[in-house]
Amino acid sequence: MHVYIYDGFLGNHKYSKILAKIETRLTDLGLNGKICRLGVIKNYQDLIMGEIRRGAKTIIAVGNDETLSKVINSLGGYDIPVGFIPVGKERNSIAEFLGIDLELAACDILSARRLTKIDLAQANQYYFLTEASISGKDTLVALEKGYSIEAPNSALIKIINLPLTHDKSGLARFDPNDGQLELYIKTEEDSGFLKKKTFGESIFTAERFYIENKKQQTLLLDNSVGIIPPVEIKLAKHSVTLIVGKSRSF
């Protein structure tokens, strides 16, 4: 049985027409199932765990990056396939890297049912699929074996499982199934009389990182969920099975 988890923001009237079209397309494809509409009083984990106990075979997040992230965090370690129907262009950057097109086209990808297992990363008690990012300002990153890195204030720091931006530098190939996480640091500096911007990139690989920030800046997970350091980041003990498109980036 397919269970569709509709994010609360889809209750806005402006989404009514596209949701009706999506539901019609799913019925045409023989993929109709139970629709669960989330409101402010409904808890993702309670809802999803209840549906799994009632026999759900596939959970589909309908919404944006945050919707998918919340669904993944609510599986409780169950190895049940997760699909994704991204609605709207705002806050939907993960879909591209999973090879999933927006809205109606995503229904056809669900129908093809290409399944792949992907490592999950864990930041304290939260799981994330893609990357965690934070400013270098007042940030210290500790690696294994006692090493630590304090990047310049202008730096952007990312712990990457699956990157949200294409890496054109050629410094590394990110693989979400390699049993490792990558620490990516991009710095920006002024150089020369004309103050021309220069950029530097560094990549370190490890299984575990520890992030501190003196000013309690937010660490952003999956471009959607923010948590405050100190944060320990490592590979989760379990992976997630996703329905992906043939044009996925990994």
C-alpha atoms as a PDB file:
ATOM      1  CA  MET A   1       0.000   0.000   0.000  1.00  0.00           C
ATOM      2  CA  HIS A   2       1.238   3.472  -0.928  1.00  0.00           C
ATOM      3  CA  VAL A   3       0.901   6.202   1.698  1.00  0.00           C
ATOM      4  CA  TYR A   4       1.254   9.822   0.597  1.00  0.00           C
ATOM      5  CA  ILE A   5       2.374  12.329   3.231  1.00  0.00           C
ATOM      6  CA  TYR A   6       1.181  15.819   2.212  1.00  0.00           C
ATOM      7  CA  ASP A   7       3.038  18.646   3.904  1.00  0.00           C
ATOM      8  CA  GLY A   8       0.961  21.244   5.726  1.00  0.00           C
ATOM      9  CA  PHE A   9       1.841  24.083   3.339  1.00  0.00           C
ATOM     10  CA  LEU A  10      -0.024  22.241   0.549  1.00  0.00           C
ATOM     11  CA  GLY A  11      -3.255  23.164   2.294  1.00  0.00           C
ATOM     12  CA  ASN A  12      -2.938  26.593   0.661  1.00  0.00           C
ATOM     13  CA  HIS A  13      -5.608  27.020  -2.011  1.00  0.00           C
ATOM     14  CA  LYS A  14      -3.005  27.831  -4.686  1.00  0.00           C
ATOM     15  CA  TYR A  15      -1.886  24.183  -4.687  1.00  0.00           C
ATOM     16  CA  SER A  16      -5.366  22.714  -5.169  1.00  0.00           C
ATOM     17  CA  LYS A  17      -5.229  22.392  -8.957  1.00  0.00           C
ATOM     18  CA  ILE A  18      -1.792  20.817  -9.158  1.00  0.00           C
ATOM     19  CA  LEU A  19      -2.601  18.365  -6.358  1.00  0.00           C
ATOM     20  CA  ALA A  20      -5.777  17.323  -8.185  1.00  0.00           C
ATOM     21  CA  LYS A  21      -3.728  16.711 -11.335  1.00  0.00           C
ATOM     22  CA  ILE A  22      -1.141  14.712  -9.384  1.00  0.00           C
ATOM     23  CA  GLU A  23      -3.842  12.546  -7.806  1.00  0.00           C
ATOM     24  CA  THR A  24      -5.442  11.899 -11.203  1.00  0.00           C
ATOM     25  CA  ARG A  25      -2.078  10.928 -12.700  1.00  0.00           C
ATOM     26  CA  LEU A  26      -1.333   8.563  -9.802  1.00  0.00           C
ATOM     27  CA  THR A  27      -4.723   6.885 -10.284  1.00  0.00           C
ATOM     28  CA  ASP A  28      -4.038   6.484 -14.011  1.00  0.00           C
ATOM     29  CA  LEU A  29      -0.734   4.804 -13.164  1.00  0.00           C
ATOM     30  CA  GLY A  30      -2.349   2.485 -10.616  1.00  0.00           C
ATOM     31  CA  LEU A  31      -0.466   4.159  -7.775  1.00  0.00           C
ATOM     32  CA  ASN A  32      -3.379   5.541  -5.800  1.00  0.00           C
ATOM     33  CA  GLY A  33      -3.166   5.040  -2.073  1.00  0.00           C
ATOM     34  CA  LYS A  34      -3.888   6.629   1.263  1.00  0.00           C
ATOM     35  CA  ILE A  35      -3.386  10.391   1.551  1.00  0.00           C
ATOM     36  CA  CYS A  36      -2.373  11.815   4.922  1.00  0.00           C
ATOM     37  CA  ARG A  37      -2.562  15.595   5.146  1.00  0.00           C
ATOM     38  CA  LEU A  38      -0.376  17.085   7.838  1.00  0.00           C
ATOM     39  CA  GLY A  39      -1.608  19.987   9.911  1.00  0.00           C
ATOM     40  CA  VAL A  40      -0.007  21.835  12.786  1.00  0.00           C
ATOM     41  CA  ILE A  41      -1.245  19.333  15.365  1.00  0.00           C
ATOM     42  CA  LYS A  42      -0.141  16.183  13.576  1.00  0.00           C
ATOM     43  CA  ASN A  43       3.229  14.599  14.329  1.00  0.00           C
ATOM     44  CA  TYR A  44       5.208  13.154  11.415  1.00  0.00           C
ATOM     45  CA  GLN A  45       6.691  10.251  13.338  1.00  0.00           C
ATOM     46  CA  ASP A  46       3.479   9.164  15.042  1.00  0.00           C
ATOM     47  CA  LEU A  47       1.640   9.317  11.729  1.00  0.00           C
ATOM     48  CA  ILE A  48       4.248   7.425   9.688  1.00  0.00           C
ATOM     49  CA  MET A  49       4.915   4.757  12.302  1.00  0.00           C
ATOM     50  CA  GLY A  50       1.164   4.185  12.571  1.00  0.00           C
ATOM     51  CA  GLU A  51       0.886   3.701   8.796  1.00  0.00           C
ATOM     52  CA  ILE A  52       3.831   1.293   8.760  1.00  0.00           C
ATOM     53  CA  ARG A  53       2.172  -0.781  11.480  1.00  0.00           C
ATOM     54  CA  ARG A  54      -0.992  -0.818   9.364  1.00  0.00           C
ATOM     55  CA  GLY A  55       0.894  -2.287   6.422  1.00  0.00           C
ATOM     56  CA  ALA A  56       2.284   0.614   4.370  1.00  0.00           C
ATOM     57  CA  LYS A  57       4.780  -0.693   1.794  1.00  0.00           C
ATOM     58  CA  THR A  58       5.938   2.661   0.378  1.00  0.00           C
ATOM     59  CA  ILE A  59       5.942   6.126   1.953  1.00  0.00           C
ATOM     60  CA  ILE A  60       5.843   9.087  -0.444  1.00  0.00           C
ATOM     61  CA  ALA A  61       6.734  12.593   0.714  1.00  0.00           C
ATOM     62  CA  VAL A  62       4.723  15.242  -1.144  1.00  0.00           C
ATOM     63  CA  GLY A  63       6.080  18.752  -0.691  1.00  0.00           C
ATOM     64  CA  ASN A  64       9.644  20.082  -0.544  1.00  0.00           C
ATOM     65  CA  ASP A  65      13.123  19.366   0.872  1.00  0.00           C
ATOM     66  CA  GLU A  66      11.878  19.767   4.430  1.00  0.00           C
ATOM     67  CA  THR A  67       9.026  17.315   3.823  1.00  0.00           C
ATOM     68  CA  LEU A  68      11.428  14.645   2.574  1.00  0.00           C
ATOM     69  CA  SER A  69      13.804  15.287   5.463  1.00  0.00           C
ATOM     70  CA  LYS A  70      11.014  14.947   8.034  1.00  0.00           C
ATOM     71  CA  VAL A  71       9.751  11.718   6.450  1.00  0.00           C
ATOM     72  CA  ILE A  72      13.241  10.190   6.503  1.00  0.00           C
ATOM     73  CA  ASN A  73      13.653  11.226  10.146  1.00  0.00           C
ATOM     74  CA  SER A  74      10.343   9.568  11.040  1.00  0.00           C
ATOM     75  CA  LEU A  75      11.022   6.053   9.712  1.00  0.00           C
ATOM     76  CA  GLY A  76      12.440   4.798  12.991  1.00  0.00           C
ATOM     77  CA  GLY A  77      15.030   2.643  11.249  1.00  0.00           C
ATOM     78  CA  TYR A  78      12.457   0.737   9.163  1.00  0.00           C
ATOM     79  CA  ASP A  79      13.779  -0.207   5.725  1.00  0.00           C
ATOM     80  CA  ILE A  80      10.747   0.866   3.740  1.00  0.00           C
ATOM     81  CA  PRO A  81      11.045   2.536   0.311  1.00  0.00           C
ATOM     82  CA  VAL A  82      10.574   6.302   0.256  1.00  0.00           C
ATOM     83  CA  GLY A  83       9.341   8.215  -2.801  1.00  0.00           C
ATOM     84  CA  PHE A  84       9.211  11.952  -3.373  1.00  0.00           C
ATOM     85  CA  ILE A  85       6.839  14.220  -5.295  1.00  0.00           C
ATOM     86  CA  PRO A  86       8.316  17.742  -5.137  1.00  0.00           C
ATOM     87  CA  VAL A  87       5.695  20.484  -5.455  1.00  0.00           C
ATOM     88  CA  GLY A  88       6.753  23.995  -6.440  1.00  0.00           C
ATOM     89  CA  LYS A  89      10.232  25.264  -7.214  1.00  0.00           C
ATOM     90  CA  GLU A  90      10.884  26.838  -3.821  1.00  0.00           C
ATOM     91  CA  ARG A  91      13.044  24.823  -1.408  1.00  0.00           C
ATOM     92  CA  ASN A  92      13.228  21.850  -3.773  1.00  0.00           C
ATOM     93  CA  SER A  93      16.937  21.387  -4.448  1.00  0.00           C
ATOM     94  CA  ILE A  94      17.236  17.717  -3.417  1.00  0.00           C
ATOM     95  CA  ALA A  95      14.948  16.430  -6.184  1.00  0.00           C
ATOM     96  CA  GLU A  96      17.425  17.279  -8.961  1.00  0.00           C
ATOM     97  CA  PHE A  97      20.149  15.131  -7.414  1.00  0.00           C
ATOM     98  CA  LEU A  98      17.734  12.236  -7.007  1.00  0.00           C
ATOM     99  CA  GLY A  99      16.811  12.563 -10.693  1.00  0.00           C
ATOM    100  CA  ILE A 100      13.232  13.500  -9.808  1.00  0.00           C
ATOM    101  CA  ASP A 101      11.306  16.091 -11.799  1.00  0.00           C
ATOM    102  CA  LEU A 102       8.635  18.306 -10.276  1.00  0.00           C
ATOM    103  CA  GLU A 103       4.997  17.404  -9.721  1.00  0.00           C
ATOM    104  CA  LEU A 104       3.339  15.378 -12.510  1.00  0.00           C
ATOM    105  CA  ALA A 105       6.636  14.107 -13.939  1.00  0.00           C
ATOM    106  CA  ALA A 106       7.542  12.735 -10.506  1.00  0.00           C
ATOM    107  CA  CYS A 107       4.545  10.386 -10.706  1.00  0.00           C
ATOM    108  CA  ASP A 108       6.098   8.593 -13.684  1.00  0.00           C
ATOM    109  CA  ILE A 109       9.347   8.178 -11.733  1.00  0.00           C
ATOM    110  CA  LEU A 110       7.371   6.571  -8.915  1.00  0.00           C
ATOM    111  CA  SER A 111       5.823   4.204 -11.450  1.00  0.00           C
ATOM    112  CA  ALA A 112       9.249   3.152 -12.798  1.00  0.00           C
ATOM    113  CA  ARG A 113      10.278   2.343  -9.185  1.00  0.00           C
ATOM    114  CA  ARG A 114      14.052   2.466  -9.462  1.00  0.00           C
ATOM    115  CA  LEU A 115      15.212   1.661  -5.946  1.00  0.00           C
ATOM    116  CA  THR A 116      18.603   2.512  -4.509  1.00  0.00           C
ATOM    117  CA  LYS A 117      20.022   2.395  -0.990  1.00  0.00           C
ATOM    118  CA  ILE A 118      21.810   5.519   0.198  1.00  0.00           C
ATOM    119  CA  ASP A 119      23.884   6.110   3.310  1.00  0.00           C
ATOM    120  CA  LEU A 120      22.323   8.422   5.851  1.00  0.00           C
ATOM    121  CA  ALA A 121      24.317  10.878   7.910  1.00  0.00           C
ATOM    122  CA  GLN A 122      23.389  11.618  11.510  1.00  0.00           C
ATOM    123  CA  ALA A 123      23.768  14.966  13.294  1.00  0.00           C
ATOM    124  CA  ASN A 124      23.082  14.373  16.996  1.00  0.00           C
ATOM    125  CA  GLN A 125      19.590  12.796  16.914  1.00  0.00           C
ATOM    126  CA  TYR A 126      18.703  14.050  13.412  1.00  0.00           C
ATOM    127  CA  TYR A 127      19.305  12.272  10.102  1.00  0.00           C
ATOM    128  CA  PHE A 128      20.156  13.989   6.835  1.00  0.00           C
ATOM    129  CA  LEU A 129      20.500  12.760   3.282  1.00  0.00           C
ATOM    130  CA  THR A 130      22.586  15.418   1.549  1.00  0.00           C
ATOM    131  CA  GLU A 131      24.730  17.883   3.471  1.00  0.00           C
ATOM    132  CA  ALA A 132      25.096  19.956   6.620  1.00  0.00           C
ATOM    133  CA  SER A 133      26.377  23.518   6.184  1.00  0.00           C
ATOM    134  CA  ILE A 134      27.543  26.347   8.443  1.00  0.00           C
ATOM    135  CA  SER A 135      29.537  29.582   8.184  1.00  0.00           C
ATOM    136  CA  GLY A 136      33.207  29.438   9.086  1.00  0.00           C
ATOM    137  CA  LYS A 137      32.786  32.367  11.482  1.00  0.00           C
ATOM    138  CA  ASP A 138      33.701  31.153  15.000  1.00  0.00           C
ATOM    139  CA  THR A 139      33.376  27.528  13.853  1.00  0.00           C
ATOM    140  CA  LEU A 140      35.746  24.732  14.900  1.00  0.00           C
ATOM    141  CA  VAL A 141      35.604  21.286  13.275  1.00  0.00           C
ATOM    142  CA  ALA A 142      37.234  18.356  15.063  1.00  0.00           C
ATOM    143  CA  LEU A 143      38.160  15.249  13.065  1.00  0.00           C
ATOM    144  CA  GLU A 144      39.246  11.801  14.106  1.00  0.00           C
ATOM    145  CA  LYS A 145      42.639  11.185  15.759  1.00  0.00           C
ATOM    146  CA  GLY A 146      42.661  14.544  17.505  1.00  0.00           C
ATOM    147  CA  TYR A 147      42.860  16.778  14.435  1.00  0.00           C
ATOM    148  CA  SER A 148      40.840  20.005  14.295  1.00  0.00           C
ATOM    149  CA  ILE A 149      40.259  22.752  11.735  1.00  0.00           C
ATOM    150  CA  GLU A 150      39.350  26.387  12.366  1.00  0.00           C
ATOM    151  CA  ALA A 151      38.447  27.921   8.998  1.00  0.00           C
ATOM    152  CA  PRO A 152      38.551  31.657   8.131  1.00  0.00           C
ATOM    153  CA  ASN A 153      35.450  33.702   8.942  1.00  0.00           C
ATOM    154  CA  SER A 154      34.656  33.991   5.230  1.00  0.00           C
ATOM    155  CA  ALA A 155      34.609  30.221   4.717  1.00  0.00           C
ATOM    156  CA  LEU A 156      31.624  28.019   3.983  1.00  0.00           C
ATOM    157  CA  ILE A 157      31.828  24.653   5.738  1.00  0.00           C
ATOM    158  CA  LYS A 158      29.901  21.580   4.624  1.00  0.00           C
ATOM    159  CA  ILE A 159      29.755  17.976   5.783  1.00  0.00           C
ATOM    160  CA  ILE A 160      28.665  16.136   2.651  1.00  0.00           C
ATOM    161  CA  ASN A 161      26.968  12.814   2.092  1.00  0.00           C
ATOM    162  CA  LEU A 162      25.272  13.757  -1.201  1.00  0.00           C
ATOM    163  CA  PRO A 163      26.088  17.294  -2.473  1.00  0.00           C
ATOM    164  CA  LEU A 164      23.358  19.821  -3.203  1.00  0.00           C
ATOM    165  CA  THR A 165      25.619  21.756  -5.567  1.00  0.00           C
ATOM    166  CA  HIS A 166      27.636  20.361  -8.448  1.00  0.00           C
ATOM    167  CA  ASP A 167      31.361  20.285  -7.692  1.00  0.00           C
ATOM    168  CA  LYS A 168      33.122  21.609 -10.779  1.00  0.00           C
ATOM    169  CA  SER A 169      36.586  21.777  -9.210  1.00  0.00           C
ATOM    170  CA  GLY A 170      37.401  18.143  -9.868  1.00  0.00           C
ATOM    171  CA  LEU A 171      38.818  17.839  -6.348  1.00  0.00           C
ATOM    172  CA  ALA A 172      36.552  14.940  -5.416  1.00  0.00           C
ATOM    173  CA  ARG A 173      33.770  12.670  -6.488  1.00  0.00           C
ATOM    174  CA  PHE A 174      31.142  12.515  -3.780  1.00  0.00           C
ATOM    175  CA  ASP A 175      29.602   9.080  -3.324  1.00  0.00           C
ATOM    176  CA  PRO A 176      26.713   8.621  -0.846  1.00  0.00           C
ATOM    177  CA  ASN A 177      27.494   4.898  -0.595  1.00  0.00           C
ATOM    178  CA  ASP A 178      31.230   4.949   0.164  1.00  0.00           C
ATOM    179  CA  GLY A 179      30.961   4.605   3.939  1.00  0.00           C
ATOM    180  CA  GLN A 180      32.586   8.023   4.405  1.00  0.00           C
ATOM    181  CA  LEU A 181      31.603  11.661   4.824  1.00  0.00           C
ATOM    182  CA  GLU A 182      33.450  14.599   3.283  1.00  0.00           C
ATOM    183  CA  LEU A 183      34.328  17.860   5.003  1.00  0.00           C
ATOM    184  CA  TYR A 184      34.306  20.547   2.307  1.00  0.00           C
ATOM    185  CA  ILE A 185      35.660  24.031   3.056  1.00  0.00           C
ATOM    186  CA  LYS A 186      35.390  26.864   0.540  1.00  0.00           C
ATOM    187  CA  THR A 187      37.206  30.107   1.363  1.00  0.00           C
ATOM    188  CA  GLU A 188      36.901  33.532  -0.242  1.00  0.00           C
ATOM    189  CA  GLU A 189      39.578  36.230  -0.044  1.00  0.00           C
ATOM    190  CA  ASP A 190      40.401  39.604  -1.598  1.00  0.00           C
ATOM    191  CA  SER A 191      43.720  39.681  -3.460  1.00  0.00           C
ATOM    192  CA  GLY A 192      45.694  42.411  -5.211  1.00  0.00           C
ATOM    193  CA  PHE A 193      45.133  46.117  -5.648  1.00  0.00           C
ATOM    194  CA  LEU A 194      41.738  45.675  -7.323  1.00  0.00           C
ATOM    195  CA  LYS A 195      40.483  43.436  -4.512  1.00  0.00           C
ATOM    196  CA  LYS A 196      39.739  40.586  -6.894  1.00  0.00           C
ATOM    197  CA  LYS A 197      37.993  37.671  -5.226  1.00  0.00           C
ATOM    198  CA  THR A 198      39.954  34.426  -5.029  1.00  0.00           C
ATOM    199  CA  PHE A 199      38.553  31.102  -3.884  1.00  0.00           C
ATOM    200  CA  GLY A 200      40.119  28.099  -2.234  1.00  0.00           C
ATOM    201  CA  GLU A 201      38.684  24.632  -1.705  1.00  0.00           C
ATOM    202  CA  SER A 202      39.748  21.869   0.661  1.00  0.00           C
ATOM    203  CA  ILE A 203      38.272  18.415   1.205  1.00  0.00           C
ATOM    204  CA  PHE A 204      38.864  15.990   4.084  1.00  0.00           C
ATOM    205  CA  THR A 205      37.337  12.529   4.408  1.00  0.00           C
ATOM    206  CA  ALA A 206      36.354  10.847   7.659  1.00  0.00           C
ATOM    207  CA  GLU A 207      33.592   8.811   9.286  1.00  0.00           C
ATOM    208  CA  ARG A 208      32.936  11.281  12.098  1.00  0.00           C
ATOM    209  CA  PHE A 209      33.148  15.035  12.715  1.00  0.00           C
ATOM    210  CA  TYR A 210      32.427  17.255  15.709  1.00  0.00           C
ATOM    211  CA  ILE A 211      31.354  20.882  15.156  1.00  0.00           C
ATOM    212  CA  GLU A 212      31.436  23.705  17.676  1.00  0.00           C
ATOM    213  CA  ASN A 213      30.486  27.351  17.191  1.00  0.00           C
ATOM    214  CA  LYS A 214      31.138  30.064  19.769  1.00  0.00           C
ATOM    215  CA  LYS A 215      28.198  32.196  18.613  1.00  0.00           C
ATOM    216  CA  GLN A 216      25.702  29.323  18.326  1.00  0.00           C
ATOM    217  CA  GLN A 217      25.216  29.794  14.607  1.00  0.00           C
ATOM    218  CA  THR A 218      22.795  27.373  12.971  1.00  0.00           C
ATOM    219  CA  LEU A 219      23.965  24.209  11.230  1.00  0.00           C
ATOM    220  CA  LEU A 220      21.576  23.622   8.312  1.00  0.00           C
ATOM    221  CA  LEU A 221      20.687  20.024   7.407  1.00  0.00           C
ATOM    222  CA  ASP A 222      19.314  19.112   3.967  1.00  0.00           C
ATOM    223  CA  ASN A 223      18.879  22.816   3.229  1.00  0.00           C
ATOM    224  CA  SER A 224      15.848  22.821   5.514  1.00  0.00           C
ATOM    225  CA  VAL A 225      16.334  21.819   9.174  1.00  0.00           C
ATOM    226  CA  GLY A 226      18.500  23.932  11.490  1.00  0.00           C
ATOM    227  CA  ILE A 227      20.197  22.764  14.695  1.00  0.00           C
ATOM    228  CA  ILE A 228      22.556  24.571  17.078  1.00  0.00           C
ATOM    229  CA  PRO A 229      26.106  23.234  17.743  1.00  0.00           C
ATOM    230  CA  PRO A 230      27.787  21.464  19.404  1.00  0.00           C
ATOM    231  CA  VAL A 231      26.946  18.708  16.923  1.00  0.00           C
ATOM    232  CA  GLU A 232      28.481  15.304  16.323  1.00  0.00           C
ATOM    233  CA  ILE A 233      28.104  14.170  12.698  1.00  0.00           C
ATOM    234  CA  LYS A 234      28.632  10.563  11.655  1.00  0.00           C
ATOM    235  CA  LEU A 235      27.226   7.930   9.349  1.00  0.00           C
ATOM    236  CA  ALA A 236      23.997   6.451  10.632  1.00  0.00           C
ATOM    237  CA  LYS A 237      23.828   2.737  11.388  1.00  0.00           C
ATOM    238  CA  HIS A 238      21.060   2.297   8.822  1.00  0.00           C
ATOM    239  CA  SER A 239      20.603   3.485   5.247  1.00  0.00           C
ATOM    240  CA  VAL A 240      17.479   4.627   3.416  1.00  0.00           C
ATOM    241  CA  THR A 241      15.909   3.097   0.303  1.00  0.00           C
ATOM    242  CA  LEU A 242      14.799   5.781  -2.163  1.00  0.00           C
ATOM    243  CA  ILE A 243      12.880   5.741  -5.412  1.00  0.00           C
ATOM    244  CA  VAL A 244      15.104   7.702  -7.795  1.00  0.00           C
ATOM    245  CA  GLY A 245      15.117   8.786 -11.418  1.00  0.00           C
ATOM    246  CA  LYS A 246      17.488   7.507 -14.087  1.00  0.00           C
ATOM    247  CA  SER A 247      19.153  10.946 -14.282  1.00  0.00           C
ATOM    248  CA  ARG A 248      20.246  10.925 -10.637  1.00  0.00           C
ATOM    249  CA  SER A 249      23.669  12.482  -9.977  1.00  0.00           C
ATOM    250  CA  PHE A 250      25.302   9.510  -8.211  1.00  0.00           C
END
